[in-house]
Amino acid sequence: MPSAAPAAATAATTAPTTGSTSVTAAERVYRHVKQAVLVDRRYEGGTLLTEGELADAVGVSRTPVREALLRLETEGLLKLYPKKGALVLPVSAQEIADVIETRLLVEEFTVRRAVPAPPGLLERLAALVEEQRRHAESGDLPALMAADRGFHAEIVRSAGNQILSRLYDQLRDRQLRMGVALLHGHPERVERTLAEHTEILDALRAGEAETAAAAVRAHVGRVEALVRRADR
């Protein structure tokens, strides 16, 4: 298992200024590791993180590191090994299948419920497509993925079902991790994603629920095929 080298804390590790020192330090470690695993890909699956290395990287003691690692373990990103460290868990084939299946169930249902789409929803979706285009042009893949997920989340929220919205929100980190890795491996996918999002938006504008659902199904299916291929 590769070992993680200490790295400078990024802007994403900036902690809140309120609260106790211990909580603030733990939050900094938590953000540092999460940024490195989900976005920067500095800590990839199979990387062994040690308390000492993380303490040095973020500039804290080991106690808040332990707190942060426990939190990340409950989120399914790490596996703790006493006296050894924390292993960054690779994305498994089962996890990919579970995420895709859940996305299809939630997104196909909610895109149908979005018809007829209110003007405000159509405006927000159009703005998010343009935001994705700007990030694609600048090469900012993490920001592109955030806008990508925002596009789908807007449709999910439009259904007005808070339980489904919370369920979808629980997929956020896994979607981000898979999406960033996918775009790094398949940069040509960026333009295709923009085209597919436009197809979904056009179907919503036209008030065609089944066409929109079919576009969502095809879009998520293509993502699944590429992610599975990259996982082999």
Foldseek 3Di string as FASTA:
>chain_A
DAEQAAAAADPQLQFDPDDDPLVRLLSSLLRRVLCCDQPVVSQDAFYFYALVSSCVRRVHHSNSVVVSLVVVVVLVQWDADPPGGIGGHHCDPVNLVVLLVLCLVQQLVLLLLCFLPDPVLLVLLVVLLVQLVVCLVVVRQLSNQVSLLVNSLSSSVSSVDVVSSVVSVSCVRVSSRLRSVLCVVPVVVSVVSSVLSVQLSVCNNVRNSVSNSVSSVVNSVVSSVSSVVVVD
